[in-house]
Every structure is written in C-alpha cells, then in structure tokens.
Amino acid sequence: MKLLLDENLSPLLASQLSDLYPGSLHVRDCGLKGYSDWAVWQFAREKGFTIVSKDSDFDQIRLTRGHPPKVIWVRLGNCSTPAIEDMLRSQSPAIHTFQENAVESLLILP
C-alpha cells in the first residue's frame, strides 16, 4: 500500500513509515508541492496511491469523483509529526483493511 502524503503533513513521514507503507511519498517528492488538490488527486489515481491529508478538500473531490484514489482524512488538529506517525502506525490494521475494501473510499482517523 502506497500513501501519498499531502502538503499539510511532514515530508519526513514517508520515510518514517516505509516499513508499513512501502513506496509512500510526500507530494513534495513527486513535484506536486503547491499544486491544486485536483492535480494531486489525478496523480494519486494514475499511480495507485491512497491520499493522506488533514484537509477536507479531498473528501469533497471524492464525493463527486468516487475512487480511486482512496482518501484517509487525518483529523488530529494541531499536533506533532510524531503524533501523526504514531496514529498511522497504530491504525495500520484499519488502514490496510480499508485499502482492501472495494466499496469504501474514505477513512477518517482517529
């Protein structure tokens, strides 16, 4: 499972989580920093990523476009990168189950 981490998350998370989510990238790593949410959505769909964001905009796109890509909406508010890493690690079983579910397109964490 490959995660595409949105700009509102630390670029460090992709490497920190590579043991659980190999092939994950941050939008900066893809040359998408500063691009529209729609451009990020299209890239994720074309390359087989699941988008992880703290932004509700991807939920809005998902409602009109469906999936793929799937969206993980992180709703932790203002918090540290280690707190987000811990949450993505602890929720790994739920995230992997979500990825395998053909019907579900949004996972809200926590």
PDB file of N, CA and C in Angstrom:
ATOM      1  N   MET A   1       0.839  -1.172   0.000  1.00  0.00           N
ATOM      2  CA  MET A   1       0.000   0.000   0.000  1.00  0.00           C
ATOM      3  C   MET A   1       0.881   1.231   0.000  1.00  0.00           C
ATOM      4  N   LYS A   2       0.641   2.122  -0.934  1.00  0.00           N
ATOM      5  CA  LYS A   2       1.410   3.355  -1.053  1.00  0.00           C
ATOM      6  C   LYS A   2       0.551   4.541  -0.636  1.00  0.00           C
ATOM      7  N   LEU A   3       1.081   5.332   0.294  1.00  0.00           N
ATOM      8  CA  LEU A   3       0.403   6.540   0.721  1.00  0.00           C
ATOM      9  C   LEU A   3       1.013   7.736   0.015  1.00  0.00           C
ATOM     10  N   LEU A   4       0.172   8.687  -0.363  1.00  0.00           N
ATOM     11  CA  LEU A   4       0.628   9.971  -0.878  1.00  0.00           C
ATOM     12  C   LEU A   4       0.252  11.003   0.170  1.00  0.00           C
ATOM     13  N   LEU A   5       1.265  11.540   0.834  1.00  0.00           N
ATOM     14  CA  LEU A   5       1.060  12.473   1.936  1.00  0.00           C
ATOM     15  C   LEU A   5       0.923  13.894   1.407  1.00  0.00           C
ATOM     16  N   ASP A   6      -0.136  14.549   1.808  1.00  0.00           N
ATOM     17  CA  ASP A   6      -0.438  15.902   1.355  1.00  0.00           C
ATOM     18  C   ASP A   6       0.509  16.916   1.998  1.00  0.00           C
ATOM     19  N   GLU A   7       0.511  18.131   1.458  1.00  0.00           N
ATOM     20  CA  GLU A   7       1.395  19.203   1.932  1.00  0.00           C
ATOM     21  C   GLU A   7       1.235  19.528   3.409  1.00  0.00           C
ATOM     22  N   ASN A   8       0.056  19.304   3.953  1.00  0.00           N
ATOM     23  CA  ASN A   8      -0.181  19.658   5.351  1.00  0.00           C
ATOM     24  C   ASN A   8       0.394  18.634   6.329  1.00  0.00           C
ATOM     25  N   LEU A   9       1.091  17.640   5.805  1.00  0.00           N
ATOM     26  CA  LEU A   9       1.775  16.639   6.630  1.00  0.00           C
ATOM     27  C   LEU A   9       3.277  16.728   6.360  1.00  0.00           C
ATOM     28  N   SER A  10       4.057  16.314   7.310  1.00  0.00           N
ATOM     29  CA  SER A  10       5.507  16.389   7.181  1.00  0.00           C
ATOM     30  C   SER A  10       6.028  15.460   6.088  1.00  0.00           C
ATOM     31  N   PRO A  11       6.972  15.944   5.272  1.00  0.00           N
ATOM     32  CA  PRO A  11       7.606  15.082   4.273  1.00  0.00           C
ATOM     33  C   PRO A  11       8.376  13.924   4.904  1.00  0.00           C
ATOM     34  N   LEU A  12       8.766  14.057   6.162  1.00  0.00           N
ATOM     35  CA  LEU A  12       9.513  13.007   6.841  1.00  0.00           C
ATOM     36  C   LEU A  12       8.689  11.733   7.041  1.00  0.00           C
ATOM     37  N   LEU A  13       7.372  11.863   7.070  1.00  0.00           N
ATOM     38  CA  LEU A  13       6.515  10.715   7.350  1.00  0.00           C
ATOM     39  C   LEU A  13       6.663   9.594   6.323  1.00  0.00           C
ATOM     40  N   ALA A  14       6.905   9.933   5.071  1.00  0.00           N
ATOM     41  CA  ALA A  14       7.018   8.899   4.034  1.00  0.00           C
ATOM     42  C   ALA A  14       8.135   7.918   4.365  1.00  0.00           C
ATOM     43  N   SER A  15       9.288   8.428   4.746  1.00  0.00           N
ATOM     44  CA  SER A  15      10.395   7.522   5.081  1.00  0.00           C
ATOM     45  C   SER A  15      10.205   6.887   6.451  1.00  0.00           C
ATOM     46  N   GLN A  16       9.632   7.627   7.387  1.00  0.00           N
ATOM     47  CA  GLN A  16       9.425   7.089   8.731  1.00  0.00           C
ATOM     48  C   GLN A  16       8.445   5.927   8.729  1.00  0.00           C
ATOM     49  N   LEU A  17       7.535   5.908   7.786  1.00  0.00           N
ATOM     50  CA  LEU A  17       6.503   4.873   7.733  1.00  0.00           C
ATOM     51  C   LEU A  17       6.753   3.828   6.641  1.00  0.00           C
ATOM     52  N   SER A  18       7.931   3.856   6.043  1.00  0.00           N
ATOM     53  CA  SER A  18       8.201   2.972   4.905  1.00  0.00           C
ATOM     54  C   SER A  18       8.141   1.489   5.255  1.00  0.00           C
ATOM     55  N   ASP A  19       8.322   1.148   6.520  1.00  0.00           N
ATOM     56  CA  ASP A  19       8.224  -0.259   6.907  1.00  0.00           C
ATOM     57  C   ASP A  19       6.786  -0.774   6.814  1.00  0.00           C
ATOM     58  N   LEU A  20       5.813   0.096   7.058  1.00  0.00           N
ATOM     59  CA  LEU A  20       4.396  -0.300   6.994  1.00  0.00           C
ATOM     60  C   LEU A  20       3.750   0.016   5.652  1.00  0.00           C
ATOM     61  N   TYR A  21       4.221   1.088   5.023  1.00  0.00           N
ATOM     62  CA  TYR A  21       3.619   1.568   3.780  1.00  0.00           C
ATOM     63  C   TYR A  21       4.721   1.811   2.746  1.00  0.00           C
ATOM     64  N   PRO A  22       5.342   0.732   2.241  1.00  0.00           N
ATOM     65  CA  PRO A  22       6.452   0.896   1.293  1.00  0.00           C
ATOM     66  C   PRO A  22       5.997   1.594   0.009  1.00  0.00           C
ATOM     67  N   GLY A  23       6.873   2.432  -0.515  1.00  0.00           N
ATOM     68  CA  GLY A  23       6.567   3.156  -1.741  1.00  0.00           C
ATOM     69  C   GLY A  23       5.815   4.445  -1.517  1.00  0.00           C
ATOM     70  N   SER A  24       5.572   4.790  -0.248  1.00  0.00           N
ATOM     71  CA  SER A  24       4.852   6.023   0.054  1.00  0.00           C
ATOM     72  C   SER A  24       5.720   7.239  -0.255  1.00  0.00           C
ATOM     73  N   LEU A  25       5.045   8.320  -0.638  1.00  0.00           N
ATOM     74  CA  LEU A  25       5.727   9.560  -0.975  1.00  0.00           C
ATOM     75  C   LEU A  25       4.979  10.748  -0.406  1.00  0.00           C
ATOM     76  N   HIS A  26       5.677  11.859  -0.317  1.00  0.00           N
ATOM     77  CA  HIS A  26       5.068  13.140   0.022  1.00  0.00           C
ATOM     78  C   HIS A  26       4.877  13.880  -1.299  1.00  0.00           C
ATOM     79  N   VAL A  27       3.897  14.763  -1.386  1.00  0.00           N
ATOM     80  CA  VAL A  27       3.658  15.489  -2.637  1.00  0.00           C
ATOM     81  C   VAL A  27       4.924  16.235  -3.092  1.00  0.00           C
ATOM     82  N   ARG A  28       5.724  16.669  -2.161  1.00  0.00           N
ATOM     83  CA  ARG A  28       6.986  17.351  -2.498  1.00  0.00           C
ATOM     84  C   ARG A  28       7.897  16.423  -3.305  1.00  0.00           C
ATOM     85  N   ASP A  29       7.918  15.132  -2.945  1.00  0.00           N
ATOM     86  CA  ASP A  29       8.772  14.157  -3.630  1.00  0.00           C
ATOM     87  C   ASP A  29       8.322  13.906  -5.068  1.00  0.00           C
ATOM     88  N   CYS A  30       7.085  14.240  -5.374  1.00  0.00           N
ATOM     89  CA  CYS A  30       6.515  13.995  -6.701  1.00  0.00           C
ATOM     90  C   CYS A  30       6.497  15.256  -7.563  1.00  0.00           C
ATOM     91  N   GLY A  31       7.036  16.336  -7.030  1.00  0.00           N
ATOM     92  CA  GLY A  31       6.998  17.602  -7.756  1.00  0.00           C
ATOM     93  C   GLY A  31       5.637  18.258  -7.733  1.00  0.00           C
ATOM     94  N   LEU A  32       4.810  17.901  -6.740  1.00  0.00           N
ATOM     95  CA  LEU A  32       3.448  18.427  -6.663  1.00  0.00           C
ATOM     96  C   LEU A  32       3.246  19.479  -5.576  1.00  0.00           C
ATOM     97  N   LYS A  33       4.320  19.908  -4.930  1.00  0.00           N
ATOM     98  CA  LYS A  33       4.181  20.924  -3.886  1.00  0.00           C
ATOM     99  C   LYS A  33       3.623  22.201  -4.501  1.00  0.00           C
ATOM    100  N   GLY A  34       2.550  22.709  -3.915  1.00  0.00           N
ATOM    101  CA  GLY A  34       1.912  23.923  -4.406  1.00  0.00           C
ATOM    102  C   GLY A  34       0.888  23.687  -5.504  1.00  0.00           C
ATOM    103  N   TYR A  35       0.746  22.444  -5.953  1.00  0.00           N
ATOM    104  CA  TYR A  35      -0.235  22.132  -6.988  1.00  0.00           C
ATOM    105  C   TYR A  35      -1.633  22.037  -6.371  1.00  0.00           C
ATOM    106  N   SER A  36      -2.636  22.097  -7.209  1.00  0.00           N
ATOM    107  CA  SER A  36      -4.019  22.018  -6.740  1.00  0.00           C
ATOM    108  C   SER A  36      -4.326  20.631  -6.192  1.00  0.00           C
ATOM    109  N   ASP A  37      -5.349  20.574  -5.356  1.00  0.00           N
ATOM    110  CA  ASP A  37      -5.799  19.281  -4.845  1.00  0.00           C
ATOM    111  C   ASP A  37      -6.221  18.364  -5.994  1.00  0.00           C
ATOM    112  N   TRP A  38      -6.800  18.946  -7.035  1.00  0.00           N
ATOM    113  CA  TRP A  38      -7.230  18.154  -8.175  1.00  0.00           C
ATOM    114  C   TRP A  38      -6.035  17.500  -8.870  1.00  0.00           C
ATOM    115  N   ALA A  39      -4.915  18.225  -8.994  1.00  0.00           N
ATOM    116  CA  ALA A  39      -3.708  17.662  -9.613  1.00  0.00           C
ATOM    117  C   ALA A  39      -3.149  16.524  -8.754  1.00  0.00           C
ATOM    118  N   VAL A  40      -3.173  16.706  -7.443  1.00  0.00           N
ATOM    119  CA  VAL A  40      -2.714  15.660  -6.523  1.00  0.00           C
ATOM    120  C   VAL A  40      -3.625  14.439  -6.654  1.00  0.00           C
ATOM    121  N   TRP A  41      -4.927  14.661  -6.715  1.00  0.00           N
ATOM    122  CA  TRP A  41      -5.910  13.584  -6.875  1.00  0.00           C
ATOM    123  C   TRP A  41      -5.630  12.776  -8.142  1.00  0.00           C
ATOM    124  N   GLN A  42      -5.418  13.467  -9.251  1.00  0.00           N
ATOM    125  CA  GLN A  42      -5.170  12.788 -10.519  1.00  0.00           C
ATOM    126  C   GLN A  42      -3.872  11.972 -10.470  1.00  0.00           C
ATOM    127  N   PHE A  43      -2.828  12.548  -9.886  1.00  0.00           N
ATOM    128  CA  PHE A  43      -1.564  11.827  -9.757  1.00  0.00           C
ATOM    129  C   PHE A  43      -1.763  10.554  -8.933  1.00  0.00           C
ATOM    130  N   ALA A  44      -2.457  10.681  -7.797  1.00  0.00           N
ATOM    131  CA  ALA A  44      -2.699   9.524  -6.930  1.00  0.00           C
ATOM    132  C   ALA A  44      -3.486   8.444  -7.669  1.00  0.00           C
ATOM    133  N   ARG A  45      -4.475   8.845  -8.418  1.00  0.00           N
ATOM    134  CA  ARG A  45      -5.285   7.879  -9.173  1.00  0.00           C
ATOM    135  C   ARG A  45      -4.437   7.169 -10.223  1.00  0.00           C
ATOM    136  N   GLU A  46      -3.640   7.916 -10.952  1.00  0.00           N
ATOM    137  CA  GLU A  46      -2.822   7.338 -12.027  1.00  0.00           C
ATOM    138  C   GLU A  46      -1.718   6.419 -11.501  1.00  0.00           C
ATOM    139  N   LYS A  47      -1.176   6.727 -10.325  1.00  0.00           N
ATOM    140  CA  LYS A  47      -0.020   5.997  -9.804  1.00  0.00           C
ATOM    141  C   LYS A  47      -0.368   4.989  -8.705  1.00  0.00           C
ATOM    142  N   GLY A  48      -1.654   4.880  -8.335  1.00  0.00           N
ATOM    143  CA  GLY A  48      -2.073   3.867  -7.368  1.00  0.00           C
ATOM    144  C   GLY A  48      -1.796   4.206  -5.914  1.00  0.00           C
ATOM    145  N   PHE A  49      -1.868   5.480  -5.561  1.00  0.00           N
ATOM    146  CA  PHE A  49      -1.656   5.918  -4.187  1.00  0.00           C
ATOM    147  C   PHE A  49      -2.988   6.091  -3.460  1.00  0.00           C
ATOM    148  N   THR A  50      -2.935   5.995  -2.148  1.00  0.00           N
ATOM    149  CA  THR A  50      -4.018   6.419  -1.270  1.00  0.00           C
ATOM    150  C   THR A  50      -3.591   7.762  -0.694  1.00  0.00           C
ATOM    151  N   ILE A  51      -4.444   8.769  -0.795  1.00  0.00           N
ATOM    152  CA  ILE A  51      -4.120  10.108  -0.309  1.00  0.00           C
ATOM    153  C   ILE A  51      -4.333  10.182   1.195  1.00  0.00           C
ATOM    154  N   VAL A  52      -3.363  10.782   1.906  1.00  0.00           N
ATOM    155  CA  VAL A  52      -3.489  11.046   3.334  1.00  0.00           C
ATOM    156  C   VAL A  52      -3.388  12.554   3.516  1.00  0.00           C
ATOM    157  N   SER A  53      -4.401  13.146   4.150  1.00  0.00           N
ATOM    158  CA  SER A  53      -4.438  14.598   4.289  1.00  0.00           C
ATOM    159  C   SER A  53      -5.176  15.004   5.560  1.00  0.00           C
ATOM    160  N   LYS A  54      -4.868  16.199   6.020  1.00  0.00           N
ATOM    161  CA  LYS A  54      -5.628  16.803   7.110  1.00  0.00           C
ATOM    162  C   LYS A  54      -6.672  17.768   6.552  1.00  0.00           C
ATOM    163  N   ASP A  55      -6.796  17.793   5.247  1.00  0.00           N
ATOM    164  CA  ASP A  55      -7.633  18.739   4.525  1.00  0.00           C
ATOM    165  C   ASP A  55      -8.929  18.069   4.075  1.00  0.00           C
ATOM    166  N   SER A  56     -10.050  18.723   4.300  1.00  0.00           N
ATOM    167  CA  SER A  56     -11.339  18.154   3.900  1.00  0.00           C
ATOM    168  C   SER A  56     -11.598  18.265   2.402  1.00  0.00           C
ATOM    169  N   ASP A  57     -10.765  18.998   1.674  1.00  0.00           N
ATOM    170  CA  ASP A  57     -10.996  19.185   0.237  1.00  0.00           C
ATOM    171  C   ASP A  57     -10.983  17.862  -0.527  1.00  0.00           C
ATOM    172  N   PHE A  58     -10.147  16.926  -0.113  1.00  0.00           N
ATOM    173  CA  PHE A  58     -10.108  15.648  -0.813  1.00  0.00           C
ATOM    174  C   PHE A  58     -11.388  14.856  -0.602  1.00  0.00           C
ATOM    175  N   ASP A  59     -12.044  15.056   0.534  1.00  0.00           N
ATOM    176  CA  ASP A  59     -13.340  14.414   0.753  1.00  0.00           C
ATOM    177  C   ASP A  59     -14.354  14.968  -0.239  1.00  0.00           C
ATOM    178  N   GLN A  60     -14.305  16.266  -0.496  1.00  0.00           N
ATOM    179  CA  GLN A  60     -15.224  16.877  -1.453  1.00  0.00           C
ATOM    180  C   GLN A  60     -15.002  16.339  -2.864  1.00  0.00           C
ATOM    181  N   ILE A  61     -13.746  16.194  -3.254  1.00  0.00           N
ATOM    182  CA  ILE A  61     -13.452  15.627  -4.574  1.00  0.00           C
ATOM    183  C   ILE A  61     -13.950  14.189  -4.637  1.00  0.00           C
ATOM    184  N   ARG A  62     -13.715  13.446  -3.589  1.00  0.00           N
ATOM    185  CA  ARG A  62     -14.140  12.044  -3.524  1.00  0.00           C
ATOM    186  C   ARG A  62     -15.655  11.913  -3.711  1.00  0.00           C
ATOM    187  N   LEU A  63     -16.401  12.843  -3.126  1.00  0.00           N
ATOM    188  CA  LEU A  63     -17.863  12.785  -3.231  1.00  0.00           C
ATOM    189  C   LEU A  63     -18.343  12.945  -4.671  1.00  0.00           C
ATOM    190  N   THR A  64     -17.630  13.746  -5.450  1.00  0.00           N
ATOM    191  CA  THR A  64     -18.048  13.957  -6.838  1.00  0.00           C
ATOM    192  C   THR A  64     -17.387  13.006  -7.816  1.00  0.00           C
ATOM    193  N   ARG A  65     -16.193  12.515  -7.496  1.00  0.00           N
ATOM    194  CA  ARG A  65     -15.431  11.690  -8.437  1.00  0.00           C
ATOM    195  C   ARG A  65     -15.356  10.218  -8.064  1.00  0.00           C
ATOM    196  N   GLY A  66     -15.696   9.870  -6.831  1.00  0.00           N
ATOM    197  CA  GLY A  66     -15.581   8.482  -6.397  1.00  0.00           C
ATOM    198  C   GLY A  66     -14.131   8.094  -6.170  1.00  0.00           C
ATOM    199  N   HIS A  67     -13.849   6.814  -6.295  1.00  0.00           N
ATOM    200  CA  HIS A  67     -12.478   6.353  -6.131  1.00  0.00           C
ATOM    201  C   HIS A  67     -12.167   5.330  -7.213  1.00  0.00           C
ATOM    202  N   PRO A  68     -10.939   5.079  -7.517  1.00  0.00           N
ATOM    203  CA  PRO A  68      -9.726   5.526  -6.828  1.00  0.00           C
ATOM    204  C   PRO A  68      -9.417   6.985  -7.131  1.00  0.00           C
ATOM    205  N   PRO A  69      -8.572   7.588  -6.347  1.00  0.00           N
ATOM    206  CA  PRO A  69      -7.873   7.048  -5.194  1.00  0.00           C
ATOM    207  C   PRO A  69      -8.748   7.086  -3.956  1.00  0.00           C
ATOM    208  N   LYS A  70      -8.348   6.324  -2.984  1.00  0.00           N
ATOM    209  CA  LYS A  70      -8.997   6.367  -1.682  1.00  0.00           C
ATOM    210  C   LYS A  70      -8.377   7.514  -0.883  1.00  0.00           C
ATOM    211  N   VAL A  71      -9.106   7.957   0.147  1.00  0.00           N
ATOM    212  CA  VAL A  71      -8.656   9.094   0.953  1.00  0.00           C
ATOM    213  C   VAL A  71      -8.679   8.724   2.436  1.00  0.00           C
ATOM    214  N   ILE A  72      -7.580   9.032   3.106  1.00  0.00           N
ATOM    215  CA  ILE A  72      -7.519   8.936   4.566  1.00  0.00           C
ATOM    216  C   ILE A  72      -7.463  10.359   5.083  1.00  0.00           C
ATOM    217  N   TRP A  73      -8.485  10.729   5.834  1.00  0.00           N
ATOM    218  CA  TRP A  73      -8.605  12.081   6.362  1.00  0.00           C
ATOM    219  C   TRP A  73      -8.165  12.054   7.828  1.00  0.00           C
ATOM    220  N   VAL A  74      -7.032  12.672   8.101  1.00  0.00           N
ATOM    221  CA  VAL A  74      -6.468  12.719   9.450  1.00  0.00           C
ATOM    222  C   VAL A  74      -7.058  13.926  10.168  1.00  0.00           C
ATOM    223  N   ARG A  75      -7.787  13.662  11.241  1.00  0.00           N
ATOM    224  CA  ARG A  75      -8.460  14.742  11.967  1.00  0.00           C
ATOM    225  C   ARG A  75      -7.904  14.864  13.381  1.00  0.00           C
ATOM    226  N   LEU A  76      -6.613  15.124  13.468  1.00  0.00           N
ATOM    227  CA  LEU A  76      -5.963  15.282  14.769  1.00  0.00           C
ATOM    228  C   LEU A  76      -5.796  16.735  15.179  1.00  0.00           C
ATOM    229  N   GLY A  77      -6.097  17.679  14.318  1.00  0.00           N
ATOM    230  CA  GLY A  77      -5.894  19.081  14.651  1.00  0.00           C
ATOM    231  C   GLY A  77      -4.408  19.400  14.705  1.00  0.00           C
ATOM    232  N   ASN A  78      -4.065  20.426  15.459  1.00  0.00           N
ATOM    233  CA  ASN A  78      -2.659  20.808  15.604  1.00  0.00           C
ATOM    234  C   ASN A  78      -1.945  19.776  16.452  1.00  0.00           C
ATOM    235  N   CYS A  79      -0.986  19.089  15.850  1.00  0.00           N
ATOM    236  CA  CYS A  79      -0.240  18.076  16.587  1.00  0.00           C
ATOM    237  C   CYS A  79       1.119  17.890  15.935  1.00  0.00           C
ATOM    238  N   SER A  80       1.961  17.176  16.597  1.00  0.00           N
ATOM    239  CA  SER A  80       3.325  16.961  16.124  1.00  0.00           C
ATOM    240  C   SER A  80       3.379  15.852  15.070  1.00  0.00           C
ATOM    241  N   THR A  81       4.465  15.852  14.330  1.00  0.00           N
ATOM    242  CA  THR A  81       4.703  14.781  13.361  1.00  0.00           C
ATOM    243  C   THR A  81       4.787  13.419  14.046  1.00  0.00           C
ATOM    244  N   PRO A  82       5.487  13.316  15.208  1.00  0.00           N
ATOM    245  CA  PRO A  82       5.496  12.014  15.893  1.00  0.00           C
ATOM    246  C   PRO A  82       4.091  11.530  16.283  1.00  0.00           C
ATOM    247  N   ALA A  83       3.198  12.450  16.629  1.00  0.00           N
ATOM    248  CA  ALA A  83       1.826  12.051  16.980  1.00  0.00           C
ATOM    249  C   ALA A  83       1.099  11.493  15.758  1.00  0.00           C
ATOM    250  N   ILE A  84       1.320  12.097  14.600  1.00  0.00           N
ATOM    251  CA  ILE A  84       0.689  11.592  13.380  1.00  0.00           C
ATOM    252  C   ILE A  84       1.302  10.248  12.999  1.00  0.00           C
ATOM    253  N   GLU A  85       2.615  10.134  13.122  1.00  0.00           N
ATOM    254  CA  GLU A  85       3.262   8.854  12.841  1.00  0.00           C
ATOM    255  C   GLU A  85       2.716   7.764  13.752  1.00  0.00           C
ATOM    256  N   ASP A  86       2.617   8.043  15.044  1.00  0.00           N
ATOM    257  CA  ASP A  86       2.092   7.060  15.989  1.00  0.00           C
ATOM    258  C   ASP A  86       0.671   6.635  15.618  1.00  0.00           C
ATOM    259  N   MET A  87      -0.152   7.604  15.236  1.00  0.00           N
ATOM    260  CA  MET A  87      -1.532   7.294  14.871  1.00  0.00           C
ATOM    261  C   MET A  87      -1.575   6.430  13.616  1.00  0.00           C
ATOM    262  N   LEU A  88      -0.783   6.759  12.581  1.00  0.00           N
ATOM    263  CA  LEU A  88      -0.777   5.965  11.353  1.00  0.00           C
ATOM    264  C   LEU A  88      -0.217   4.564  11.596  1.00  0.00           C
ATOM    265  N   ARG A  89       0.690   4.439  12.547  1.00  0.00           N
ATOM    266  CA  ARG A  89       1.198   3.111  12.914  1.00  0.00           C
ATOM    267  C   ARG A  89       0.131   2.310  13.668  1.00  0.00           C
ATOM    268  N   SER A  90      -0.468   2.930  14.664  1.00  0.00           N
ATOM    269  CA  SER A  90      -1.449   2.205  15.482  1.00  0.00           C
ATOM    270  C   SER A  90      -2.702   1.845  14.683  1.00  0.00           C
ATOM    271  N   GLN A  91      -3.002   2.624  13.664  1.00  0.00           N
ATOM    272  CA  GLN A  91      -4.190   2.375  12.840  1.00  0.00           C
ATOM    273  C   GLN A  91      -3.879   1.540  11.593  1.00  0.00           C
ATOM    274  N   SER A  92      -2.667   1.020  11.503  1.00  0.00           N
ATOM    275  CA  SER A  92      -2.256   0.254  10.330  1.00  0.00           C
ATOM    276  C   SER A  92      -3.216  -0.889   9.985  1.00  0.00           C
ATOM    277  N   PRO A  93      -3.675  -1.693  10.949  1.00  0.00           N
ATOM    278  CA  PRO A  93      -4.633  -2.742  10.584  1.00  0.00           C
ATOM    279  C   PRO A  93      -5.911  -2.180   9.944  1.00  0.00           C
ATOM    280  N   ALA A  94      -6.428  -1.097  10.499  1.00  0.00           N
ATOM    281  CA  ALA A  94      -7.639  -0.482   9.940  1.00  0.00           C
ATOM    282  C   ALA A  94      -7.362   0.115   8.565  1.00  0.00           C
ATOM    283  N   ILE A  95      -6.186   0.701   8.384  1.00  0.00           N
ATOM    284  CA  ILE A  95      -5.825   1.299   7.103  1.00  0.00           C
ATOM    285  C   ILE A  95      -5.680   0.221   6.032  1.00  0.00           C
ATOM    286  N   HIS A  96      -5.031  -0.881   6.364  1.00  0.00           N
ATOM    287  CA  HIS A  96      -4.878  -1.960   5.392  1.00  0.00           C
ATOM    288  C   HIS A  96      -6.221  -2.623   5.063  1.00  0.00           C
ATOM    289  N   THR A  97      -7.078  -2.776   6.045  1.00  0.00           N
ATOM    290  CA  THR A  97      -8.424  -3.317   5.800  1.00  0.00           C
ATOM    291  C   THR A  97      -9.207  -2.376   4.892  1.00  0.00           C
ATOM    292  N   PHE A  98      -9.116  -1.079   5.159  1.00  0.00           N
ATOM    293  CA  PHE A  98      -9.772  -0.065   4.337  1.00  0.00           C
ATOM    294  C   PHE A  98      -9.290  -0.168   2.886  1.00  0.00           C
ATOM    295  N   GLN A  99      -7.994  -0.306   2.707  1.00  0.00           N
ATOM    296  CA  GLN A  99      -7.427  -0.382   1.355  1.00  0.00           C
ATOM    297  C   GLN A  99      -7.971  -1.586   0.588  1.00  0.00           C
ATOM    298  N   GLU A 100      -8.205  -2.671   1.272  1.00  0.00           N
ATOM    299  CA  GLU A 100      -8.687  -3.898   0.622  1.00  0.00           C
ATOM    300  C   GLU A 100     -10.186  -3.881   0.345  1.00  0.00           C
ATOM    301  N   ASN A 101     -10.915  -2.974   0.981  1.00  0.00           N
ATOM    302  CA  ASN A 101     -12.361  -2.887   0.821  1.00  0.00           C
ATOM    303  C   ASN A 101     -12.690  -2.193  -0.504  1.00  0.00           C
ATOM    304  N   ALA A 102     -13.376  -2.888  -1.388  1.00  0.00           N
ATOM    305  CA  ALA A 102     -13.679  -2.349  -2.714  1.00  0.00           C
ATOM    306  C   ALA A 102     -14.735  -1.252  -2.702  1.00  0.00           C
ATOM    307  N   VAL A 103     -15.491  -1.156  -1.621  1.00  0.00           N
ATOM    308  CA  VAL A 103     -16.600  -0.211  -1.573  1.00  0.00           C
ATOM    309  C   VAL A 103     -16.230   1.110  -0.900  1.00  0.00           C
ATOM    310  N   GLU A 104     -15.504   1.033   0.189  1.00  0.00           N
ATOM    311  CA  GLU A 104     -15.170   2.223   0.982  1.00  0.00           C
ATOM    312  C   GLU A 104     -14.147   3.094   0.258  1.00  0.00           C
ATOM    313  N   SER A 105     -14.365   4.420   0.318  1.00  0.00           N
ATOM    314  CA  SER A 105     -13.444   5.345  -0.331  1.00  0.00           C
ATOM    315  C   SER A 105     -12.863   6.387   0.623  1.00  0.00           C
ATOM    316  N   LEU A 106     -13.383   6.455   1.856  1.00  0.00           N
ATOM    317  CA  LEU A 106     -12.914   7.431   2.847  1.00  0.00           C
ATOM    318  C   LEU A 106     -12.738   6.754   4.195  1.00  0.00           C
ATOM    319  N   LEU A 107     -11.591   7.005   4.798  1.00  0.00           N
ATOM    320  CA  LEU A 107     -11.323   6.557   6.161  1.00  0.00           C
ATOM    321  C   LEU A 107     -10.971   7.798   6.971  1.00  0.00           C
ATOM    322  N   ILE A 108     -11.739   8.052   8.024  1.00  0.00           N
ATOM    323  CA  ILE A 108     -11.491   9.202   8.880  1.00  0.00           C
ATOM    324  C   ILE A 108     -10.775   8.714  10.127  1.00  0.00           C
ATOM    325  N   LEU A 109      -9.610   9.299  10.408  1.00  0.00           N
ATOM    326  CA  LEU A 109      -8.818   8.947  11.581  1.00  0.00           C
ATOM    327  C   LEU A 109      -8.583  10.173  12.428  1.00  0.00           C
ATOM    328  N   PRO A 110      -8.546  10.119  13.714  1.00  0.00           N
ATOM    329  CA  PRO A 110      -8.868   8.968  14.528  1.00  0.00           C
ATOM    330  C   PRO A 110     -10.353   8.768  14.678  1.00  0.00           C
TER     331      PRO A 110
END
